[in-house]
Amino acid sequence: MGVLSTILSGGLNKLVGTVGGIIDGIHTSEEEKGQIALAKMQMELEFRRQSEELSASLEQAMMADLANLREQAKIELSSSDPWVRRARPFFLWIMYGVIAFNYIFPAVAMLFGVTMKAIEIPVDLWYVFGGSFLGYAYFRSKDKQANNNKA
């Protein structure tokens, strides 16, 4: 069961519990209370079924999105335009420079008595860098494996 269904089922349980409390306060016969309890269970089962279907469809959409990203990376790597093929490595080289400027140069400058203040890198940029690095490394290794198998 996904996160969405967990969140929604908590709200449903509160709602059903509240409705059940109101119904118990009303003077009804045991037969009517049984019918109401049966209807309550059917509602809960229907809600769980729908939430599981929603979770499954969300998971399928995420998998399709990942497949599209994989295809896009393959197209970029096989492009005849050198700017398209080199865009990811160029971004990585820029980030290597930023990391060196932030962490290596200040350490070396301290040896000469100079103090340098590091630039704060946003967290989102670290995520982009990590994803780009891992994706580039993966597809680069796959490309090398394919070239080694051809030879």
C-alpha atoms as a PDB file:
ATOM      1  CA  MET A   1       0.000   0.000   0.000  1.00  0.00           C
ATOM      2  CA  GLY A   2       1.386   3.421  -0.918  1.00  0.00           C
ATOM      3  CA  VAL A   3       1.807   6.587   1.049  1.00  0.00           C
ATOM      4  CA  LEU A   4      -1.300   8.157  -0.466  1.00  0.00           C
ATOM      5  CA  SER A   5      -3.535   5.307   0.605  1.00  0.00           C
ATOM      6  CA  THR A   6      -2.037   5.355   4.100  1.00  0.00           C
ATOM      7  CA  ILE A   7      -2.809   9.053   4.437  1.00  0.00           C
ATOM      8  CA  LEU A   8      -6.289   8.724   3.002  1.00  0.00           C
ATOM      9  CA  SER A   9      -7.174   5.616   4.987  1.00  0.00           C
ATOM     10  CA  GLY A  10      -6.376   7.448   8.237  1.00  0.00           C
ATOM     11  CA  GLY A  11      -8.854  10.167   7.273  1.00  0.00           C
ATOM     12  CA  LEU A  12     -11.437   7.615   6.212  1.00  0.00           C
ATOM     13  CA  ASN A  13     -11.169   5.743   9.491  1.00  0.00           C
ATOM     14  CA  LYS A  14     -11.799   8.974  11.403  1.00  0.00           C
ATOM     15  CA  LEU A  15     -14.781   9.800   9.191  1.00  0.00           C
ATOM     16  CA  VAL A  16     -16.274   6.316   9.455  1.00  0.00           C
ATOM     17  CA  GLY A  17     -15.635   6.276  13.207  1.00  0.00           C
ATOM     18  CA  THR A  18     -17.430   9.609  13.578  1.00  0.00           C
ATOM     19  CA  VAL A  19     -20.372   8.447  11.472  1.00  0.00           C
ATOM     20  CA  GLY A  20     -20.453   5.177  13.433  1.00  0.00           C
ATOM     21  CA  GLY A  21     -20.513   7.112  16.702  1.00  0.00           C
ATOM     22  CA  ILE A  22     -23.440   9.209  15.495  1.00  0.00           C
ATOM     23  CA  ILE A  23     -25.325   6.126  14.330  1.00  0.00           C
ATOM     24  CA  ASP A  24     -24.725   4.382  17.662  1.00  0.00           C
ATOM     25  CA  GLY A  25     -26.200   7.412  19.412  1.00  0.00           C
ATOM     26  CA  ILE A  26     -29.415   7.057  17.413  1.00  0.00           C
ATOM     27  CA  HIS A  27     -31.817   4.509  18.775  1.00  0.00           C
ATOM     28  CA  THR A  28     -31.913   1.810  16.142  1.00  0.00           C
ATOM     29  CA  SER A  29     -32.619  -1.880  16.233  1.00  0.00           C
ATOM     30  CA  GLU A  30     -29.857  -4.485  16.198  1.00  0.00           C
ATOM     31  CA  GLU A  31     -30.775  -5.458  12.631  1.00  0.00           C
ATOM     32  CA  GLU A  32     -30.390  -1.867  11.402  1.00  0.00           C
ATOM     33  CA  LYS A  33     -27.074  -1.532  13.254  1.00  0.00           C
ATOM     34  CA  GLY A  34     -25.885  -4.744  11.547  1.00  0.00           C
ATOM     35  CA  GLN A  35     -26.860  -3.399   8.117  1.00  0.00           C
ATOM     36  CA  ILE A  36     -25.073  -0.137   8.853  1.00  0.00           C
ATOM     37  CA  ALA A  37     -21.959  -2.022  10.015  1.00  0.00           C
ATOM     38  CA  LEU A  38     -22.059  -4.104   6.822  1.00  0.00           C
ATOM     39  CA  ALA A  39     -22.370  -0.950   4.700  1.00  0.00           C
ATOM     40  CA  LYS A  40     -19.476   0.577   6.660  1.00  0.00           C
ATOM     41  CA  MET A  41     -17.250  -2.441   5.949  1.00  0.00           C
ATOM     42  CA  GLN A  42     -18.199  -2.362   2.271  1.00  0.00           C
ATOM     43  CA  MET A  43     -17.275   1.328   2.096  1.00  0.00           C
ATOM     44  CA  GLU A  44     -13.907   0.635   3.735  1.00  0.00           C
ATOM     45  CA  LEU A  45     -13.170  -2.245   1.351  1.00  0.00           C
ATOM     46  CA  GLU A  46     -14.152  -0.138  -1.678  1.00  0.00           C
ATOM     47  CA  PHE A  47     -11.943   2.699  -0.486  1.00  0.00           C
ATOM     48  CA  ARG A  48      -8.984   0.365   0.029  1.00  0.00           C
ATOM     49  CA  ARG A  49      -9.476  -1.138  -3.424  1.00  0.00           C
ATOM     50  CA  GLN A  50      -9.606   2.298  -5.029  1.00  0.00           C
ATOM     51  CA  SER A  51      -6.551   3.523  -3.117  1.00  0.00           C
ATOM     52  CA  GLU A  52      -4.583   0.415  -4.150  1.00  0.00           C
ATOM     53  CA  GLU A  53      -5.597   0.986  -7.788  1.00  0.00           C
ATOM     54  CA  LEU A  54      -4.475   4.604  -7.505  1.00  0.00           C
ATOM     55  CA  SER A  55      -1.145   3.553  -5.993  1.00  0.00           C
ATOM     56  CA  ALA A  56      -0.634   1.017  -8.779  1.00  0.00           C
ATOM     57  CA  SER A  57      -1.426   3.564 -11.489  1.00  0.00           C
ATOM     58  CA  LEU A  58       0.937   6.102  -9.886  1.00  0.00           C
ATOM     59  CA  GLU A  59       3.689   3.501  -9.799  1.00  0.00           C
ATOM     60  CA  GLN A  60       3.101   2.645 -13.468  1.00  0.00           C
ATOM     61  CA  ALA A  61       3.283   6.345 -14.364  1.00  0.00           C
ATOM     62  CA  MET A  62       6.572   6.710 -12.502  1.00  0.00           C
ATOM     63  CA  MET A  63       8.033   3.669 -14.265  1.00  0.00           C
ATOM     64  CA  ALA A  64       6.950   5.043 -17.650  1.00  0.00           C
ATOM     65  CA  ASP A  65       8.566   8.370 -16.789  1.00  0.00           C
ATOM     66  CA  LEU A  66      11.835   6.631 -15.879  1.00  0.00           C
ATOM     67  CA  ALA A  67      11.743   4.726 -19.163  1.00  0.00           C
ATOM     68  CA  ASN A  68      11.273   8.025 -21.024  1.00  0.00           C
ATOM     69  CA  LEU A  69      14.267   9.542 -19.219  1.00  0.00           C
ATOM     70  CA  ARG A  70      16.384   6.513 -20.097  1.00  0.00           C
ATOM     71  CA  GLU A  71      15.392   6.787 -23.756  1.00  0.00           C
ATOM     72  CA  GLN A  72      16.135  10.514 -23.753  1.00  0.00           C
ATOM     73  CA  ALA A  73      19.633   9.897 -22.374  1.00  0.00           C
ATOM     74  CA  LYS A  74      20.255   7.215 -25.030  1.00  0.00           C
ATOM     75  CA  ILE A  75      19.156   9.627 -27.767  1.00  0.00           C
ATOM     76  CA  GLU A  76      21.422  12.352 -26.400  1.00  0.00           C
ATOM     77  CA  LEU A  77      24.430  10.026 -26.299  1.00  0.00           C
ATOM     78  CA  SER A  78      23.848   8.791 -29.851  1.00  0.00           C
ATOM     79  CA  SER A  79      23.246  12.280 -31.270  1.00  0.00           C
ATOM     80  CA  SER A  80      25.423  13.453 -34.159  1.00  0.00           C
ATOM     81  CA  ASP A  81      25.525  16.965 -32.675  1.00  0.00           C
ATOM     82  CA  PRO A  82      28.645  17.250 -30.494  1.00  0.00           C
ATOM     83  CA  TRP A  83      27.059  19.950 -28.296  1.00  0.00           C
ATOM     84  CA  VAL A  84      24.235  17.636 -27.318  1.00  0.00           C
ATOM     85  CA  ARG A  85      26.603  14.739 -26.556  1.00  0.00           C
ATOM     86  CA  ARG A  86      28.869  16.935 -24.458  1.00  0.00           C
ATOM     87  CA  ALA A  87      26.221  18.822 -22.469  1.00  0.00           C
ATOM     88  CA  ARG A  88      26.173  16.459 -19.493  1.00  0.00           C
ATOM     89  CA  PRO A  89      29.968  16.089 -19.222  1.00  0.00           C
ATOM     90  CA  PHE A  90      30.332  19.882 -19.507  1.00  0.00           C
ATOM     91  CA  PHE A  91      27.908  20.397 -16.631  1.00  0.00           C
ATOM     92  CA  LEU A  92      29.894  17.867 -14.612  1.00  0.00           C
ATOM     93  CA  TRP A  93      33.165  19.704 -15.326  1.00  0.00           C
ATOM     94  CA  ILE A  94      31.581  22.960 -14.177  1.00  0.00           C
ATOM     95  CA  MET A  95      30.478  21.309 -10.952  1.00  0.00           C
ATOM     96  CA  TYR A  96      33.964  19.814 -10.456  1.00  0.00           C
ATOM     97  CA  GLY A  97      35.336  23.342 -10.760  1.00  0.00           C
ATOM     98  CA  VAL A  98      32.829  24.684  -8.237  1.00  0.00           C
ATOM     99  CA  ILE A  99      33.666  21.885  -5.804  1.00  0.00           C
ATOM    100  CA  ALA A 100      37.403  22.503  -6.250  1.00  0.00           C
ATOM    101  CA  PHE A 101      36.951  26.240  -5.768  1.00  0.00           C
ATOM    102  CA  ASN A 102      34.856  25.667  -2.638  1.00  0.00           C
ATOM    103  CA  TYR A 103      36.814  22.940  -0.909  1.00  0.00           C
ATOM    104  CA  ILE A 104      40.301  22.464  -2.381  1.00  0.00           C
ATOM    105  CA  PHE A 105      41.439  26.026  -3.160  1.00  0.00           C
ATOM    106  CA  PRO A 106      40.617  27.357   0.340  1.00  0.00           C
ATOM    107  CA  ALA A 107      42.677  24.547   1.905  1.00  0.00           C
ATOM    108  CA  VAL A 108      45.654  25.353  -0.361  1.00  0.00           C
ATOM    109  CA  ALA A 109      45.219  29.099   0.204  1.00  0.00           C
ATOM    110  CA  MET A 110      45.378  28.571   3.966  1.00  0.00           C
ATOM    111  CA  LEU A 111      48.950  27.286   3.494  1.00  0.00           C
ATOM    112  CA  PHE A 112      49.866  30.730   2.152  1.00  0.00           C
ATOM    113  CA  GLY A 113      47.973  32.596   4.884  1.00  0.00           C
ATOM    114  CA  VAL A 114      45.057  33.632   2.673  1.00  0.00           C
ATOM    115  CA  THR A 115      41.494  33.009   3.802  1.00  0.00           C
ATOM    116  CA  MET A 116      38.789  32.284   1.276  1.00  0.00           C
ATOM    117  CA  LYS A 117      35.082  32.045   1.984  1.00  0.00           C
ATOM    118  CA  ALA A 118      33.257  29.112   0.385  1.00  0.00           C
ATOM    119  CA  ILE A 119      30.276  29.711  -1.845  1.00  0.00           C
ATOM    120  CA  GLU A 120      27.055  28.170  -0.577  1.00  0.00           C
ATOM    121  CA  ILE A 121      25.799  25.656  -3.126  1.00  0.00           C
ATOM    122  CA  PRO A 122      22.004  25.121  -3.112  1.00  0.00           C
ATOM    123  CA  VAL A 123      20.840  21.636  -2.172  1.00  0.00           C
ATOM    124  CA  ASP A 124      18.887  21.268  -5.417  1.00  0.00           C
ATOM    125  CA  LEU A 125      22.095  21.800  -7.404  1.00  0.00           C
ATOM    126  CA  TRP A 126      23.740  18.980  -5.459  1.00  0.00           C
ATOM    127  CA  TYR A 127      20.810  16.723  -6.407  1.00  0.00           C
ATOM    128  CA  VAL A 128      21.154  17.661 -10.069  1.00  0.00           C
ATOM    129  CA  PHE A 129      24.900  17.073  -9.912  1.00  0.00           C
ATOM    130  CA  GLY A 130      24.473  13.685  -8.238  1.00  0.00           C
ATOM    131  CA  GLY A 131      21.837  12.563 -10.726  1.00  0.00           C
ATOM    132  CA  SER A 132      23.882  13.775 -13.679  1.00  0.00           C
ATOM    133  CA  PHE A 133      27.031  12.127 -12.394  1.00  0.00           C
ATOM    134  CA  LEU A 134      25.353   8.781 -11.757  1.00  0.00           C
ATOM    135  CA  GLY A 135      23.447   8.849 -15.052  1.00  0.00           C
ATOM    136  CA  TYR A 136      26.509   9.814 -17.065  1.00  0.00           C
ATOM    137  CA  ALA A 137      28.660   7.191 -15.350  1.00  0.00           C
ATOM    138  CA  TYR A 138      26.048   4.487 -15.968  1.00  0.00           C
ATOM    139  CA  PHE A 139      25.485   5.252 -19.635  1.00  0.00           C
ATOM    140  CA  ARG A 140      29.188   5.772 -20.237  1.00  0.00           C
ATOM    141  CA  SER A 141      29.977   2.343 -18.789  1.00  0.00           C
ATOM    142  CA  LYS A 142      27.191   0.769 -20.866  1.00  0.00           C
ATOM    143  CA  ASP A 143      28.624   2.444 -23.981  1.00  0.00           C
ATOM    144  CA  LYS A 144      32.103   1.117 -23.211  1.00  0.00           C
ATOM    145  CA  GLN A 145      30.752  -2.377 -22.609  1.00  0.00           C
ATOM    146  CA  ALA A 146      28.921  -2.271 -25.935  1.00  0.00           C
ATOM    147  CA  ASN A 147      32.092  -1.124 -27.723  1.00  0.00           C
ATOM    148  CA  ASN A 148      34.160  -3.873 -26.057  1.00  0.00           C
ATOM    149  CA  ASN A 149      31.640  -6.513 -27.094  1.00  0.00           C
ATOM    150  CA  LYS A 150      31.776  -5.336 -30.724  1.00  0.00           C
ATOM    151  CA  ALA A 151      35.572  -5.593 -30.885  1.00  0.00           C
END
